[in-house]
Amino acid sequence: MSHHHEDEFRLHSPDFDALHHKLDRRRFLTKTSLGLGALAMGSLFGLRKVTGSGSRNATGGTDLEADILKALPHIAPKAKRVVYLFMSGGPSQFETFDYKPKLVNLAGQDLPDSVRKGQRLTGMSASQSALPMVPSIYQFNQHGKNDTWVSELLPYTAQVVDDLCIVKSIYSEAINHDPAITFFQTGNQLPGRPSIGSWVSYGLGSDNHNLPTFIVLVSKNAPKDQPLYARLWGNGFLESRHQGVQFRSGKDPVLFLNNPEGYDGADRAEMLQYLTQLNQLQNDSYGDPEIANRIAQYEMAFRMQTSVPEVMDTSQEPDEVFDLYGPDSRDAGTYAANCILARKLLEKDVKFVQLYHQGWDQHGGLPKGIAKQCKDTDQATAALIIDLKRRGLLDDTLVIWGGEFGRTVYSQGKLTADDYGRDHHPRCFTMWMAGAGVKAGLSYGETDDFSYNIVKDPVHVHDFHATLMHLMGVDHERLTYKFQGRRFRLTDVHGNLVKAILA
């Protein structure tokens, strides 16, 4: 729309002029009534104390917030982007990466009190009369230059083990799914805090203004035993433009993005111009930072109408790419297909991509259940590492794999030679990272013979967050946001950098 057309609309729209007049009148009355009172109080107490020490900036934060963001990055970033493969439900470390051969001779025996040390059990295990230990029925073999132990359930991951930094000593205090997942995604067990991707968006901004900074993909081919909530990728108390945007398979990858029936691109652009004018009037009148965020989100949505269909279209991928990621990769919305989309989004410089794959919560029937989970994810996970590496992206992309906690050495419920379950275990479990800034081929941290307690190099969730942010060039203690009278950060008042895993 031309500026002439825009000015003509504003001059000749009675409704628009009436609204403008009402807002001007309201603004005048507000400023003269409240403003005079504020000036009178200011003469008694000093204007600075009444208005606060920091003025509002264009993004709605204080000048101190603006100064915090100007200082970023604090150090030279190793990772320009992150892809976080979240295995929701809690994968068993016994059947994946934490090899415990001594358990074979202890099968069926109760977990010794000297090992448990009175540690908390879930309500499901607390009702059991015994806690019989059970080794994995799956074989482990050594792979790579460092003879790293990997389960036979992960043959493709075993092929890229020299690219992985496997951390076997992750721990958390959260023993149930919802607080545990919330803790990993936001740094706090209670809902309401910003997610990791939102902190990254707030601190580092975007490298592609046609796509969101933070994008979420959820597998359609996974059990939905434990629910996922949009607040896990929510913005919390940060501005709404920092929230994660979920991309779905199907004709509407982003809800409400397509034009309404009967509208074309020109109609939509004209409507957004008028809507921006209305929002700008409100912004001028009230100064609410969320109005500016709303304007920015509408503009982003308009640009996404072109950018999203292009990035979601995998029809031009060669057959060898689908062969690399596995047969599921041709079925939109599966974990494998989402891994290809993740690679495309990373190529477009989307800063934070999060994949969720549910179904790792095996309290019973674990051998069969975890075999299916590994089959659905193993090949595509390894393919993503290979694909990023050959395209030169792994050097500045951080790949993360893991769940919210591990599983117990003892069986929950039914126990036979080839069937058993494992309960939640937050005391120690395994995650891995690969790519930008982490040591490749490293196995870090150790657990006892029961994978029940950490015996060397513990890594808390807050330490994991501090290290992730460091790799992106952010000092986790310096990226803060003031809310309800105090300054918050992803790691709250905790977190130590795990220097030993840094390349």
Protein backbone atom coordinates (compact mmCIF):
# COMPACT_ATOMS: atom_id res chain seq x y z
CA MET A 1 0.00 0.00 0.00
CA SER A 2 1.33 3.43 -0.87
CA HIS A 3 1.83 6.12 1.76
CA HIS A 4 -0.73 8.25 -0.14
CA HIS A 5 -3.31 5.47 0.13
CA GLU A 6 -2.56 5.03 3.85
CA ASP A 7 -2.89 8.78 4.57
CA GLU A 8 -6.08 8.94 2.53
CA PHE A 9 -7.57 6.10 4.57
CA ARG A 10 -6.74 7.79 7.86
CA LEU A 11 -8.20 11.13 6.73
CA HIS A 12 -11.43 9.78 5.26
CA SER A 13 -12.38 7.04 7.74
CA PRO A 14 -14.88 8.52 10.26
CA ASP A 15 -14.61 5.51 12.57
CA PHE A 16 -10.82 5.71 12.61
CA ASP A 17 -10.86 9.46 13.30
CA ALA A 18 -13.43 9.04 16.06
CA LEU A 19 -11.28 6.40 17.74
CA HIS A 20 -8.22 8.59 17.38
CA HIS A 21 -10.13 11.49 18.95
CA LYS A 22 -11.33 9.36 21.88
CA LEU A 23 -7.83 8.10 22.55
CA ASP A 24 -6.44 11.62 22.41
CA ARG A 25 -9.10 12.80 24.87
CA ARG A 26 -8.46 9.88 27.18
CA ARG A 27 -4.72 10.44 27.01
CA PHE A 28 -5.16 14.16 27.79
CA LEU A 29 -7.37 13.48 30.82
CA THR A 30 -5.04 10.80 32.10
CA LYS A 31 -1.97 12.94 31.75
CA THR A 32 -3.55 16.04 33.29
CA SER A 33 -5.23 14.32 36.25
CA LEU A 34 -2.73 11.64 37.15
CA GLY A 35 0.21 13.56 35.74
CA LEU A 36 -0.39 16.68 37.89
CA GLY A 37 -0.76 14.49 40.96
CA ALA A 38 2.48 12.75 40.14
CA LEU A 39 4.25 16.07 39.71
CA ALA A 40 2.94 17.25 43.08
CA MET A 41 4.20 14.10 44.74
CA GLY A 42 7.45 14.47 42.86
CA SER A 43 7.96 17.91 44.40
CA LEU A 44 7.81 16.28 47.83
CA PHE A 45 9.78 13.09 47.26
CA GLY A 46 11.82 13.73 44.15
CA LEU A 47 10.63 12.78 40.68
CA ARG A 48 13.18 10.01 40.26
CA LYS A 49 11.75 8.05 43.18
CA VAL A 50 8.22 8.28 41.81
CA THR A 51 8.91 7.37 38.21
CA GLY A 52 11.64 4.82 38.86
CA SER A 53 15.27 4.88 37.94
CA GLY A 54 14.88 3.37 34.47
CA SER A 55 12.74 4.63 31.61
CA ARG A 56 10.83 2.27 29.32
CA ASN A 57 12.54 1.30 26.11
CA ALA A 58 11.05 0.32 22.78
CA THR A 59 10.63 -3.34 23.72
CA GLY A 60 8.77 -2.57 26.93
CA GLY A 61 11.68 -3.38 29.24
CA THR A 62 13.65 -0.95 31.34
CA ASP A 63 16.90 0.64 30.28
CA LEU A 64 18.64 -1.90 32.49
CA GLU A 65 17.08 -4.71 30.41
CA ALA A 66 18.32 -2.95 27.29
CA ASP A 67 21.82 -2.70 28.75
CA ILE A 68 21.77 -6.42 29.60
CA LEU A 69 20.89 -7.28 26.00
CA LYS A 70 23.48 -4.89 24.53
CA ALA A 71 26.22 -6.82 26.35
CA LEU A 72 25.37 -10.05 24.48
CA PRO A 73 27.02 -12.25 23.52
CA HIS A 74 29.18 -12.24 26.62
CA ILE A 75 31.76 -14.55 25.03
CA ALA A 76 32.41 -15.78 21.51
CA PRO A 77 29.65 -18.35 20.88
CA LYS A 78 30.57 -21.85 19.75
CA ALA A 79 26.96 -22.68 18.88
CA LYS A 80 24.88 -20.49 16.57
CA ARG A 81 21.87 -22.76 16.87
CA VAL A 82 20.52 -25.65 18.97
CA VAL A 83 18.42 -28.71 18.19
CA TYR A 84 17.13 -30.40 21.34
CA LEU A 85 15.81 -33.95 20.88
CA PHE A 86 13.65 -34.41 23.98
CA MET A 87 12.76 -38.04 24.74
CA SER A 88 9.69 -37.46 26.90
CA GLY A 89 8.93 -40.07 29.55
CA GLY A 90 12.43 -40.91 30.77
CA PRO A 91 14.54 -43.34 28.68
CA SER A 92 16.17 -46.13 30.65
CA GLN A 93 19.92 -45.68 30.93
CA PHE A 94 20.24 -49.45 31.50
CA GLU A 95 18.99 -50.24 28.00
CA THR A 96 20.80 -47.44 26.19
CA PHE A 97 24.20 -46.16 27.40
CA ASP A 98 24.96 -47.08 31.05
CA TYR A 99 26.30 -50.63 30.86
CA LYS A 100 26.06 -52.54 34.17
CA PRO A 101 27.28 -56.13 33.66
CA LYS A 102 27.53 -56.93 37.40
CA LEU A 103 23.76 -56.84 37.66
CA VAL A 104 23.52 -60.19 35.87
CA ASN A 105 24.63 -62.00 39.05
CA LEU A 106 22.28 -59.91 41.22
CA ALA A 107 19.08 -60.49 39.23
CA GLY A 108 16.04 -60.87 41.48
CA GLN A 109 17.79 -59.72 44.66
CA ASP A 110 16.42 -56.77 46.59
CA LEU A 111 18.10 -53.41 46.15
CA PRO A 112 20.42 -53.09 49.21
CA ASP A 113 19.54 -50.39 51.73
CA SER A 114 23.18 -49.29 51.60
CA VAL A 115 22.63 -48.33 47.96
CA ARG A 116 19.20 -46.80 48.28
CA LYS A 117 20.21 -44.77 51.37
CA GLY A 118 16.60 -43.95 52.17
CA GLN A 119 16.12 -42.04 48.94
CA ARG A 120 12.62 -41.11 47.91
CA LEU A 121 10.49 -43.56 45.90
CA THR A 122 7.44 -42.81 43.81
CA GLY A 123 4.05 -43.83 45.12
CA MET A 124 4.09 -46.69 42.61
CA SER A 125 7.26 -48.30 43.99
CA ALA A 126 6.65 -47.44 47.63
CA SER A 127 3.72 -49.86 47.69
CA GLN A 128 5.90 -52.81 46.60
CA SER A 129 6.95 -55.34 49.24
CA ALA A 130 10.27 -55.87 47.48
CA LEU A 131 12.53 -54.04 45.01
CA PRO A 132 13.99 -56.84 42.87
CA MET A 133 16.94 -55.77 40.72
CA VAL A 134 16.92 -56.60 37.03
CA PRO A 135 19.71 -56.37 34.44
CA SER A 136 18.98 -55.37 30.87
CA ILE A 137 18.22 -58.30 28.58
CA TYR A 138 19.91 -56.42 25.73
CA GLN A 139 23.55 -56.78 24.82
CA PHE A 140 26.09 -53.98 24.89
CA ASN A 141 29.04 -53.66 22.56
CA GLN A 142 31.99 -51.28 22.33
CA HIS A 143 32.14 -48.81 19.46
CA GLY A 144 34.32 -46.01 18.15
CA LYS A 145 37.86 -44.96 18.86
CA ASN A 146 37.30 -44.97 22.62
CA ASP A 147 35.47 -48.31 22.83
CA THR A 148 32.29 -46.67 24.11
CA TRP A 149 29.61 -49.05 25.35
CA VAL A 150 26.31 -48.73 23.47
CA SER A 151 23.23 -50.97 23.57
CA GLU A 152 22.31 -53.18 20.64
CA LEU A 153 19.03 -51.23 20.55
CA LEU A 154 20.93 -48.22 19.13
CA PRO A 155 22.95 -49.57 16.18
CA TYR A 156 22.80 -46.32 14.21
CA THR A 157 23.73 -44.12 17.17
CA ALA A 158 26.64 -46.51 17.78
CA GLN A 159 27.99 -45.58 14.34
CA VAL A 160 28.26 -41.89 15.28
CA VAL A 161 29.44 -42.41 18.87
CA ASP A 162 32.75 -40.68 18.11
CA ASP A 163 30.77 -37.46 17.55
CA LEU A 164 28.95 -37.70 20.89
CA CYS A 165 29.72 -36.34 24.34
CA ILE A 166 27.81 -38.80 26.55
CA VAL A 167 27.09 -37.55 30.08
CA LYS A 168 26.09 -40.41 32.41
CA SER A 169 25.85 -38.37 35.59
CA ILE A 170 22.88 -36.04 35.02
CA TYR A 171 20.60 -35.70 38.04
CA SER A 172 17.45 -33.89 39.13
CA GLU A 173 15.28 -33.57 42.24
CA ALA A 174 12.00 -34.00 40.32
CA ILE A 175 10.66 -37.55 40.49
CA ASN A 176 7.36 -37.17 38.61
CA HIS A 177 6.88 -36.36 34.93
CA ASP A 178 5.26 -32.95 34.89
CA PRO A 179 7.61 -31.19 37.34
CA ALA A 180 10.60 -33.04 35.86
CA ILE A 181 9.87 -32.01 32.27
CA THR A 182 9.00 -28.49 33.38
CA PHE A 183 12.31 -28.34 35.28
CA PHE A 184 14.32 -29.36 32.21
CA GLN A 185 12.50 -26.96 29.91
CA THR A 186 12.31 -23.91 32.18
CA GLY A 187 14.78 -24.34 35.07
CA ASN A 188 12.00 -24.59 37.63
CA GLN A 189 9.61 -27.39 38.62
CA LEU A 190 6.65 -25.01 38.84
CA PRO A 191 4.94 -23.71 35.68
CA GLY A 192 5.20 -20.08 34.67
CA ARG A 193 8.89 -19.58 33.91
CA PRO A 194 10.24 -18.98 30.38
CA SER A 195 11.49 -22.03 28.47
CA ILE A 196 15.09 -22.40 27.34
CA GLY A 197 14.24 -21.43 23.77
CA SER A 198 12.42 -18.33 25.00
CA TRP A 199 15.47 -17.23 27.01
CA VAL A 200 17.60 -17.75 23.89
CA SER A 201 15.15 -15.70 21.82
CA TYR A 202 15.09 -12.93 24.43
CA GLY A 203 18.86 -12.79 24.82
CA LEU A 204 20.14 -13.44 21.32
CA GLY A 205 17.31 -12.52 18.99
CA SER A 206 16.83 -13.95 15.51
CA ASP A 207 19.09 -14.63 12.55
CA ASN A 208 16.12 -15.16 10.22
CA HIS A 209 13.33 -12.59 10.36
CA ASN A 210 11.03 -14.70 8.18
CA LEU A 211 10.81 -17.55 10.69
CA PRO A 212 10.37 -17.69 14.48
CA THR A 213 13.52 -17.88 16.60
CA PHE A 214 12.14 -20.87 18.53
CA ILE A 215 10.26 -23.69 16.76
CA VAL A 216 8.77 -26.89 18.22
CA LEU A 217 8.02 -30.20 16.47
CA VAL A 218 6.09 -33.05 18.17
CA SER A 219 6.20 -36.61 16.80
CA LYS A 220 2.89 -38.05 15.70
CA ASN A 221 4.21 -41.65 15.77
CA ALA A 222 4.75 -41.88 19.53
CA PRO A 223 2.61 -43.11 22.43
CA LYS A 224 0.80 -40.25 24.17
CA ASP A 225 1.05 -41.77 27.65
CA GLN A 226 2.41 -38.58 29.22
CA PRO A 227 0.89 -35.32 27.95
CA LEU A 228 2.85 -32.35 26.66
CA TYR A 229 1.71 -28.80 27.35
CA ALA A 230 2.33 -25.66 25.29
CA ARG A 231 3.69 -23.99 28.43
CA LEU A 232 6.76 -26.22 28.08
CA TRP A 233 7.77 -24.00 25.18
CA GLY A 234 6.03 -20.91 26.56
CA ASN A 235 7.49 -17.46 27.17
CA GLY A 236 6.51 -17.27 30.85
CA PHE A 237 6.96 -13.67 31.99
CA LEU A 238 8.97 -12.67 28.91
CA GLU A 239 7.29 -10.83 26.03
CA SER A 240 4.96 -13.10 24.05
CA ARG A 241 7.06 -12.82 20.88
CA HIS A 242 9.63 -15.08 22.56
CA GLN A 243 7.34 -18.09 22.91
CA GLY A 244 7.97 -21.24 20.89
CA VAL A 245 5.87 -21.79 17.77
CA GLN A 246 4.70 -25.33 17.13
CA PHE A 247 4.89 -26.54 13.52
CA ARG A 248 2.51 -29.39 12.69
CA SER A 249 2.26 -31.82 9.81
CA GLY A 250 -0.62 -31.41 7.39
CA LYS A 251 -2.08 -28.54 5.40
CA ASP A 252 -1.89 -26.05 8.31
CA PRO A 253 1.64 -26.32 9.75
CA VAL A 254 1.02 -23.24 11.91
CA LEU A 255 -2.51 -22.75 13.20
CA PHE A 256 -4.39 -19.67 11.95
CA LEU A 257 -1.53 -18.71 9.61
CA ASN A 258 -3.32 -19.21 6.29
CA ASN A 259 -5.48 -16.50 4.78
CA PRO A 260 -9.21 -16.74 5.51
CA GLU A 261 -11.33 -17.98 2.63
CA GLY A 262 -11.82 -15.25 0.04
CA TYR A 263 -8.69 -13.31 0.98
CA ASP A 264 -5.59 -13.02 -1.14
CA GLY A 265 -2.15 -11.69 -0.30
CA ALA A 266 -2.98 -8.08 -1.22
CA ASP A 267 -6.15 -8.10 0.92
CA ARG A 268 -4.19 -9.52 3.83
CA ALA A 269 -1.44 -6.89 3.51
CA GLU A 270 -4.00 -4.09 3.44
CA MET A 271 -5.84 -5.49 6.47
CA LEU A 272 -2.56 -5.75 8.41
CA GLN A 273 -1.72 -2.13 7.56
CA TYR A 274 -5.00 -0.96 9.07
CA LEU A 275 -4.61 -3.27 12.06
CA THR A 276 -1.11 -1.93 12.67
CA GLN A 277 -2.49 1.63 12.70
CA LEU A 278 -5.10 0.65 15.30
CA ASN A 279 -2.52 -1.11 17.44
CA GLN A 280 -0.17 1.85 17.12
CA LEU A 281 -2.90 4.18 18.44
CA GLN A 282 -3.28 1.92 21.46
CA ASN A 283 0.46 1.77 21.91
CA ASP A 284 0.77 5.56 21.80
CA SER A 285 -2.02 5.88 24.32
CA TYR A 286 -1.17 3.18 26.86
CA GLY A 287 2.48 2.28 26.27
CA ASP A 288 1.76 -1.42 26.87
CA PRO A 289 4.78 -3.39 25.54
CA GLU A 290 2.52 -6.28 24.55
CA ILE A 291 0.94 -4.07 21.88
CA ALA A 292 4.31 -3.71 20.16
CA ASN A 293 4.76 -7.47 20.48
CA ARG A 294 1.35 -8.01 18.90
CA ILE A 295 2.30 -5.79 15.94
CA ALA A 296 5.58 -7.69 15.50
CA GLN A 297 3.80 -11.07 15.66
CA TYR A 298 1.24 -10.07 13.02
CA GLU A 299 4.05 -8.94 10.75
CA MET A 300 5.96 -12.18 11.38
CA ALA A 301 2.83 -14.22 10.60
CA PHE A 302 2.48 -12.40 7.28
CA ARG A 303 6.09 -13.18 6.33
CA MET A 304 5.64 -16.79 7.47
CA GLN A 305 2.86 -17.28 4.93
CA THR A 306 5.63 -17.44 2.34
CA SER A 307 8.52 -18.89 4.37
CA VAL A 308 6.70 -21.75 6.16
CA PRO A 309 5.36 -23.62 3.10
CA GLU A 310 8.83 -23.53 1.58
CA VAL A 311 10.62 -24.91 4.64
CA MET A 312 7.93 -27.55 5.29
CA ASP A 313 8.15 -28.88 1.75
CA THR A 314 10.51 -31.87 1.65
CA SER A 315 9.47 -33.04 -1.82
CA GLN A 316 12.70 -31.75 -3.32
CA GLU A 317 14.88 -33.79 -0.96
CA PRO A 318 16.79 -36.49 -2.86
CA ASP A 319 16.01 -40.16 -2.24
CA GLU A 320 19.34 -40.67 -0.49
CA VAL A 321 18.25 -38.24 2.27
CA PHE A 322 15.09 -40.23 2.95
CA ASP A 323 17.14 -43.43 2.85
CA LEU A 324 19.55 -41.91 5.38
CA TYR A 325 16.78 -40.94 7.83
CA GLY A 326 14.80 -44.14 7.35
CA PRO A 327 11.44 -45.18 5.86
CA ASP A 328 9.36 -43.12 8.34
CA SER A 329 10.97 -39.94 7.04
CA ARG A 330 8.60 -39.91 4.05
CA ASP A 331 5.62 -39.73 6.42
CA ALA A 332 5.14 -36.11 7.54
CA GLY A 333 4.91 -35.65 11.30
CA THR A 334 6.90 -38.72 12.30
CA TYR A 335 10.07 -38.33 14.35
CA ALA A 336 12.21 -39.10 11.30
CA ALA A 337 10.37 -36.57 9.13
CA ASN A 338 10.70 -33.99 11.91
CA CYS A 339 14.45 -34.59 12.00
CA ILE A 340 14.65 -33.64 8.31
CA LEU A 341 12.54 -30.54 9.03
CA ALA A 342 14.85 -29.70 11.92
CA ARG A 343 17.85 -29.82 9.60
CA LYS A 344 16.07 -27.55 7.11
CA LEU A 345 15.18 -25.09 9.87
CA LEU A 346 18.76 -25.06 11.13
CA GLU A 347 19.93 -24.38 7.57
CA LYS A 348 17.61 -21.35 7.66
CA ASP A 349 19.38 -20.17 10.84
CA VAL A 350 16.47 -20.81 13.20
CA LYS A 351 18.20 -20.49 16.57
CA PHE A 352 16.38 -23.09 18.70
CA VAL A 353 14.56 -26.15 17.37
CA GLN A 354 12.99 -28.57 19.83
CA LEU A 355 11.70 -32.04 18.96
CA TYR A 356 9.52 -33.95 21.42
CA HIS A 357 9.09 -37.72 21.15
CA GLN A 358 6.82 -39.19 23.80
CA GLY A 359 6.42 -42.76 25.05
CA TRP A 360 9.56 -43.58 27.06
CA ASP A 361 7.65 -44.18 30.32
CA GLN A 362 7.90 -47.97 30.62
CA HIS A 363 6.70 -49.05 34.07
CA GLY A 364 5.84 -52.43 32.56
CA GLY A 365 6.67 -54.24 29.35
CA LEU A 366 9.91 -52.31 29.09
CA PRO A 367 11.91 -54.65 26.81
CA LYS A 368 9.30 -54.55 24.07
CA GLY A 369 8.40 -50.90 24.62
CA ILE A 370 11.90 -49.47 24.57
CA ALA A 371 12.83 -51.58 21.56
CA LYS A 372 9.97 -49.93 19.65
CA GLN A 373 11.01 -46.45 20.84
CA CYS A 374 14.61 -46.99 19.77
CA LYS A 375 13.52 -48.36 16.41
CA ASP A 376 11.42 -45.23 15.80
CA THR A 377 14.18 -42.77 16.71
CA ASP A 378 17.65 -44.32 16.43
CA GLN A 379 18.24 -44.14 12.67
CA ALA A 380 16.89 -40.61 12.26
CA THR A 381 18.84 -39.31 15.27
CA ALA A 382 22.12 -40.64 13.88
CA ALA A 383 21.16 -39.39 10.40
CA LEU A 384 20.70 -35.87 11.75
CA ILE A 385 24.27 -35.93 13.12
CA ILE A 386 25.61 -37.25 9.80
CA ASP A 387 23.56 -34.81 7.73
CA LEU A 388 24.59 -31.76 9.77
CA LYS A 389 28.22 -32.84 9.68
CA ARG A 390 28.43 -33.33 5.93
CA ARG A 391 26.76 -29.95 5.33
CA GLY A 392 29.28 -28.21 7.58
CA LEU A 393 26.60 -27.31 10.15
CA LEU A 394 27.65 -29.53 13.06
CA ASP A 395 30.62 -27.29 13.86
CA ASP A 396 28.31 -24.48 14.98
CA THR A 397 25.15 -26.43 15.88
CA LEU A 398 24.62 -28.01 19.30
CA VAL A 399 22.62 -31.26 19.27
CA ILE A 400 21.13 -32.49 22.57
CA TRP A 401 19.45 -35.85 23.31
CA GLY A 402 17.77 -36.87 26.58
CA GLY A 403 14.69 -37.10 28.76
CA GLU A 404 13.53 -35.75 32.11
CA PHE A 405 14.96 -38.54 34.31
CA GLY A 406 16.18 -42.14 34.15
CA ARG A 407 14.83 -45.47 35.38
CA THR A 408 15.36 -47.63 38.45
CA VAL A 409 17.63 -50.67 38.75
CA TYR A 410 14.75 -52.56 40.33
CA SER A 411 11.70 -53.78 38.49
CA GLN A 412 8.28 -52.31 39.05
CA GLY A 413 5.45 -54.80 38.99
CA LYS A 414 5.72 -57.93 36.87
CA LEU A 415 9.20 -59.46 36.64
CA THR A 416 10.08 -62.39 34.40
CA ALA A 417 13.21 -63.38 32.52
CA ASP A 418 12.17 -61.36 29.45
CA ASP A 419 9.63 -58.87 30.80
CA TYR A 420 9.96 -56.17 33.43
CA GLY A 421 9.36 -52.48 34.07
CA ARG A 422 11.37 -49.69 35.65
CA ASP A 423 10.16 -46.78 37.77
CA HIS A 424 11.27 -43.11 37.61
CA HIS A 425 14.80 -42.42 38.80
CA PRO A 426 16.07 -38.82 38.95
CA ARG A 427 19.24 -39.58 40.93
CA CYS A 428 21.33 -40.40 37.84
CA PHE A 429 20.68 -40.82 34.15
CA THR A 430 22.26 -40.29 30.74
CA MET A 431 22.09 -37.55 28.14
CA TRP A 432 24.36 -36.71 25.25
CA MET A 433 25.42 -33.65 23.31
CA ALA A 434 27.19 -33.31 19.99
CA GLY A 435 28.57 -30.59 17.78
CA ALA A 436 29.53 -27.04 18.58
CA GLY A 437 31.87 -26.63 21.50
CA VAL A 438 31.65 -30.05 23.19
CA LYS A 439 34.29 -32.76 23.25
CA ALA A 440 33.54 -35.50 20.75
CA GLY A 441 33.97 -39.15 21.70
CA LEU A 442 33.85 -38.40 25.44
CA SER A 443 32.04 -40.40 28.11
CA TYR A 444 31.69 -38.15 31.16
CA GLY A 445 30.58 -38.99 34.70
CA GLU A 446 30.15 -42.35 36.41
CA THR A 447 27.44 -44.12 38.36
CA ASP A 448 27.73 -47.00 40.82
CA ASP A 449 27.26 -50.66 39.82
CA PHE A 450 23.49 -50.20 40.19
CA SER A 451 23.22 -46.92 38.25
CA TYR A 452 21.47 -45.65 41.37
CA ASN A 453 23.97 -43.07 42.64
CA ILE A 454 26.60 -40.90 40.98
CA VAL A 455 30.17 -41.68 42.02
CA LYS A 456 32.04 -39.21 39.79
CA ASP A 457 31.40 -35.82 38.14
CA PRO A 458 27.73 -35.07 38.91
CA VAL A 459 25.92 -32.71 36.51
CA HIS A 460 22.75 -31.07 37.77
CA VAL A 461 19.99 -29.77 35.48
CA HIS A 462 21.09 -26.20 36.32
CA ASP A 463 24.68 -27.11 35.34
CA PHE A 464 23.39 -28.47 32.04
CA HIS A 465 21.53 -25.20 31.41
CA ALA A 466 24.55 -23.09 32.36
CA THR A 467 26.73 -25.05 29.93
CA LEU A 468 24.18 -24.86 27.11
CA MET A 469 23.95 -21.08 27.48
CA HIS A 470 27.75 -20.76 27.64
CA LEU A 471 28.07 -22.58 24.32
CA MET A 472 25.72 -19.99 22.82
CA GLY A 473 27.88 -17.16 24.14
CA VAL A 474 25.75 -16.36 27.20
CA ASP A 475 26.92 -16.11 30.80
CA HIS A 476 23.92 -17.64 32.58
CA GLU A 477 24.42 -15.39 35.61
CA ARG A 478 24.22 -12.22 33.53
CA LEU A 479 21.16 -12.88 31.36
CA THR A 480 18.34 -11.79 33.66
CA TYR A 481 14.83 -10.31 33.50
CA LYS A 482 13.10 -8.33 36.21
CA PHE A 483 9.66 -9.63 37.14
CA GLN A 484 7.56 -8.99 40.25
CA GLY A 485 10.33 -7.11 42.00
CA ARG A 486 13.26 -9.49 41.49
CA ARG A 487 15.61 -10.49 38.72
CA PHE A 488 15.15 -13.98 37.26
CA ARG A 489 17.39 -16.11 35.10
CA LEU A 490 17.15 -19.59 33.55
CA THR A 491 19.35 -21.11 36.28
CA ASP A 492 17.80 -19.00 39.07
CA VAL A 493 20.56 -18.79 41.73
CA HIS A 494 22.26 -22.05 40.77
CA GLY A 495 24.28 -23.63 37.98
CA ASN A 496 27.95 -24.27 37.30
CA LEU A 497 29.67 -24.49 33.94
CA VAL A 498 30.79 -28.06 33.16
CA LYS A 499 34.20 -27.13 31.79
CA ALA A 500 35.45 -30.69 31.41
CA ILE A 501 33.10 -31.40 28.48
CA LEU A 502 33.99 -28.25 26.54
CA ALA A 503 36.20 -28.61 23.50
